[in-house]
Amino acid sequence: MMPTIFFLLFAILPIACLMEQENLPHGCVPVRFVSFLPTGNKTRLPNVLGQYCSSYYIKQNLTGQWIGIAASRIKSCKVCCVRQDENKALHYNETRAPNQFPCGKGKICKKGRCVTK
């Protein structure tokens, strides 16, 4: 009986991890809680984009700490905004990158589109 329980536990764990990752918006990557630890450097890209994300969603009164990730979707001027709420739960939203944000060689984002400078 005990080996069966351990087998089921280890069989369900990867499935649960996959299910959580399926809920991420396209272009977002899973982050860890350590991504939200203070570094003393407010000019790191995730922190700067986090401030952008916080102001972008200000009307929704979403409390917590934000970071922003410019990953695979940056060529289409998308940023993944990740919010850690007061219960330490992570919430992912994809949003438009800020204007003038680089999106490729010689290109910048303008109103959600990647255009030549």
C-alpha atoms as a PDB file:
ATOM      1  CA  MET A   1       0.000   0.000   0.000  1.00  0.00           C
ATOM      2  CA  MET A   2       2.775   2.439   0.916  1.00  0.00           C
ATOM      3  CA  PRO A   3       4.688   2.051  -2.400  1.00  0.00           C
ATOM      4  CA  THR A   4       1.462   2.735  -4.280  1.00  0.00           C
ATOM      5  CA  ILE A   5       0.961   5.996  -2.404  1.00  0.00           C
ATOM      6  CA  PHE A   6       4.515   7.129  -3.199  1.00  0.00           C
ATOM      7  CA  PHE A   7       4.068   6.161  -6.839  1.00  0.00           C
ATOM      8  CA  LEU A   8       0.836   8.135  -7.109  1.00  0.00           C
ATOM      9  CA  LEU A   9       2.400  11.118  -5.389  1.00  0.00           C
ATOM     10  CA  PHE A  10       5.353  11.207  -7.787  1.00  0.00           C
ATOM     11  CA  ALA A  11       3.105  10.541 -10.782  1.00  0.00           C
ATOM     12  CA  ILE A  12       0.754  13.426  -9.950  1.00  0.00           C
ATOM     13  CA  LEU A  13       3.445  15.992  -9.131  1.00  0.00           C
ATOM     14  CA  PRO A  14       4.699  16.497 -12.737  1.00  0.00           C
ATOM     15  CA  ILE A  15       1.115  16.674 -13.975  1.00  0.00           C
ATOM     16  CA  ALA A  16       0.324  19.391 -11.437  1.00  0.00           C
ATOM     17  CA  CYS A  17       3.394  21.354 -12.537  1.00  0.00           C
ATOM     18  CA  LEU A  18       2.378  21.084 -16.186  1.00  0.00           C
ATOM     19  CA  MET A  19      -1.145  22.201 -15.408  1.00  0.00           C
ATOM     20  CA  GLU A  20       0.140  25.325 -13.665  1.00  0.00           C
ATOM     21  CA  GLN A  21       2.389  26.195 -16.602  1.00  0.00           C
ATOM     22  CA  GLU A  22      -0.493  25.803 -19.066  1.00  0.00           C
ATOM     23  CA  ASN A  23      -2.242  28.760 -17.418  1.00  0.00           C
ATOM     24  CA  LEU A  24       0.582  31.147 -18.278  1.00  0.00           C
ATOM     25  CA  PRO A  25      -0.148  33.716 -20.981  1.00  0.00           C
ATOM     26  CA  HIS A  26       1.654  33.117 -24.266  1.00  0.00           C
ATOM     27  CA  GLY A  27       5.220  34.379 -23.973  1.00  0.00           C
ATOM     28  CA  CYS A  28       5.354  34.305 -20.172  1.00  0.00           C
ATOM     29  CA  VAL A  29       7.828  32.055 -18.408  1.00  0.00           C
ATOM     30  CA  PRO A  30       7.501  30.760 -14.851  1.00  0.00           C
ATOM     31  CA  VAL A  31       9.397  32.812 -12.278  1.00  0.00           C
ATOM     32  CA  ARG A  32      10.498  31.971  -8.758  1.00  0.00           C
ATOM     33  CA  PHE A  33       9.770  33.837  -5.573  1.00  0.00           C
ATOM     34  CA  VAL A  34      13.445  34.864  -5.382  1.00  0.00           C
ATOM     35  CA  SER A  35      12.800  37.066  -8.427  1.00  0.00           C
ATOM     36  CA  PHE A  36      10.892  39.376  -6.078  1.00  0.00           C
ATOM     37  CA  LEU A  37      13.615  39.679  -3.432  1.00  0.00           C
ATOM     38  CA  PRO A  38      15.031  43.198  -3.151  1.00  0.00           C
ATOM     39  CA  THR A  39      18.435  43.662  -4.742  1.00  0.00           C
ATOM     40  CA  GLY A  40      18.933  47.327  -3.961  1.00  0.00           C
ATOM     41  CA  ASN A  41      19.207  47.970  -7.702  1.00  0.00           C
ATOM     42  CA  LYS A  42      15.971  49.553  -8.908  1.00  0.00           C
ATOM     43  CA  THR A  43      17.339  49.996 -12.436  1.00  0.00           C
ATOM     44  CA  ARG A  44      17.399  46.265 -13.271  1.00  0.00           C
ATOM     45  CA  LEU A  45      15.185  45.602 -16.287  1.00  0.00           C
ATOM     46  CA  PRO A  46      12.692  43.376 -14.401  1.00  0.00           C
ATOM     47  CA  ASN A  47      12.260  46.123 -11.772  1.00  0.00           C
ATOM     48  CA  VAL A  48      11.843  48.917 -14.326  1.00  0.00           C
ATOM     49  CA  LEU A  49       9.349  46.872 -16.340  1.00  0.00           C
ATOM     50  CA  GLY A  50       7.653  45.956 -13.055  1.00  0.00           C
ATOM     51  CA  GLN A  51       7.056  49.650 -12.372  1.00  0.00           C
ATOM     52  CA  TYR A  52       5.643  49.961 -15.879  1.00  0.00           C
ATOM     53  CA  CYS A  53       3.355  46.961 -15.265  1.00  0.00           C
ATOM     54  CA  SER A  54       2.203  48.382 -11.932  1.00  0.00           C
ATOM     55  CA  SER A  55       1.234  51.683 -13.552  1.00  0.00           C
ATOM     56  CA  TYR A  56      -0.370  49.886 -16.525  1.00  0.00           C
ATOM     57  CA  TYR A  57      -2.721  47.972 -14.204  1.00  0.00           C
ATOM     58  CA  ILE A  58      -3.205  50.769 -11.626  1.00  0.00           C
ATOM     59  CA  LYS A  59      -6.924  51.201 -12.373  1.00  0.00           C
ATOM     60  CA  GLN A  60      -7.553  47.594 -11.387  1.00  0.00           C
ATOM     61  CA  ASN A  61      -6.227  48.250  -7.835  1.00  0.00           C
ATOM     62  CA  LEU A  62      -3.991  45.173  -7.936  1.00  0.00           C
ATOM     63  CA  THR A  63      -1.820  45.177  -4.843  1.00  0.00           C
ATOM     64  CA  GLY A  64       1.522  43.481  -4.525  1.00  0.00           C
ATOM     65  CA  GLN A  65       4.965  43.588  -6.039  1.00  0.00           C
ATOM     66  CA  TRP A  66       5.501  43.554  -9.810  1.00  0.00           C
ATOM     67  CA  ILE A  67       8.295  42.484 -12.142  1.00  0.00           C
ATOM     68  CA  GLY A  68       8.279  42.588 -15.920  1.00  0.00           C
ATOM     69  CA  ILE A  69       9.859  40.128 -18.321  1.00  0.00           C
ATOM     70  CA  ALA A  70      10.734  40.991 -21.905  1.00  0.00           C
ATOM     71  CA  ALA A  71      11.325  37.532 -23.297  1.00  0.00           C
ATOM     72  CA  SER A  72      10.352  35.721 -26.464  1.00  0.00           C
ATOM     73  CA  ARG A  73       7.429  38.023 -27.275  1.00  0.00           C
ATOM     74  CA  ILE A  74       9.427  41.263 -27.283  1.00  0.00           C
ATOM     75  CA  LYS A  75       9.659  41.191 -31.092  1.00  0.00           C
ATOM     76  CA  SER A  76       5.887  41.622 -31.080  1.00  0.00           C
ATOM     77  CA  CYS A  77       6.170  44.306 -28.371  1.00  0.00           C
ATOM     78  CA  LYS A  78       4.738  42.169 -25.579  1.00  0.00           C
ATOM     79  CA  VAL A  79       5.903  42.138 -21.957  1.00  0.00           C
ATOM     80  CA  CYS A  80       4.964  39.582 -19.340  1.00  0.00           C
ATOM     81  CA  CYS A  81       3.912  41.280 -16.106  1.00  0.00           C
ATOM     82  CA  VAL A  82       4.163  39.122 -12.985  1.00  0.00           C
ATOM     83  CA  ARG A  83       2.544  40.218  -9.727  1.00  0.00           C
ATOM     84  CA  GLN A  84       3.184  38.662  -6.358  1.00  0.00           C
ATOM     85  CA  ASP A  85       0.178  39.335  -4.134  1.00  0.00           C
ATOM     86  CA  GLU A  86       0.069  39.600  -0.340  1.00  0.00           C
ATOM     87  CA  ASN A  87      -0.386  35.800  -0.083  1.00  0.00           C
ATOM     88  CA  LYS A  88       2.786  35.218  -2.185  1.00  0.00           C
ATOM     89  CA  ALA A  89       0.714  33.879  -5.100  1.00  0.00           C
ATOM     90  CA  LEU A  90       2.002  34.784  -8.564  1.00  0.00           C
ATOM     91  CA  HIS A  91      -0.276  36.247 -11.240  1.00  0.00           C
ATOM     92  CA  TYR A  92       0.821  36.568 -14.883  1.00  0.00           C
ATOM     93  CA  ASN A  93      -0.476  39.085 -17.435  1.00  0.00           C
ATOM     94  CA  GLU A  94       0.762  39.871 -20.904  1.00  0.00           C
ATOM     95  CA  THR A  95       0.700  43.511 -21.911  1.00  0.00           C
ATOM     96  CA  ARG A  96       1.998  45.899 -24.508  1.00  0.00           C
ATOM     97  CA  ALA A  97       5.642  46.949 -24.151  1.00  0.00           C
ATOM     98  CA  PRO A  98       6.375  50.606 -23.407  1.00  0.00           C
ATOM     99  CA  ASN A  99       6.874  52.988 -26.313  1.00  0.00           C
ATOM    100  CA  GLN A 100      10.530  53.362 -27.358  1.00  0.00           C
ATOM    101  CA  PHE A 101      11.356  49.902 -25.936  1.00  0.00           C
ATOM    102  CA  PRO A 102      13.837  48.069 -28.211  1.00  0.00           C
ATOM    103  CA  CYS A 103      12.272  45.150 -30.083  1.00  0.00           C
ATOM    104  CA  GLY A 104      14.987  44.225 -32.555  1.00  0.00           C
ATOM    105  CA  LYS A 105      18.035  45.628 -34.275  1.00  0.00           C
ATOM    106  CA  GLY A 106      17.240  49.227 -35.197  1.00  0.00           C
ATOM    107  CA  LYS A 107      13.607  48.844 -34.100  1.00  0.00           C
ATOM    108  CA  ILE A 108      11.477  50.157 -31.229  1.00  0.00           C
ATOM    109  CA  CYS A 109       7.977  49.566 -29.921  1.00  0.00           C
ATOM    110  CA  LYS A 110       5.410  52.210 -30.747  1.00  0.00           C
ATOM    111  CA  LYS A 111       1.790  51.780 -29.672  1.00  0.00           C
ATOM    112  CA  GLY A 112       2.237  48.022 -29.434  1.00  0.00           C
ATOM    113  CA  ARG A 113       3.961  47.580 -32.790  1.00  0.00           C
ATOM    114  CA  CYS A 114       7.627  46.994 -33.575  1.00  0.00           C
ATOM    115  CA  VAL A 115       8.700  49.694 -36.037  1.00  0.00           C
ATOM    116  CA  THR A 116      11.959  50.920 -37.538  1.00  0.00           C
ATOM    117  CA  LYS A 117      13.515  53.828 -35.636  1.00  0.00           C
END
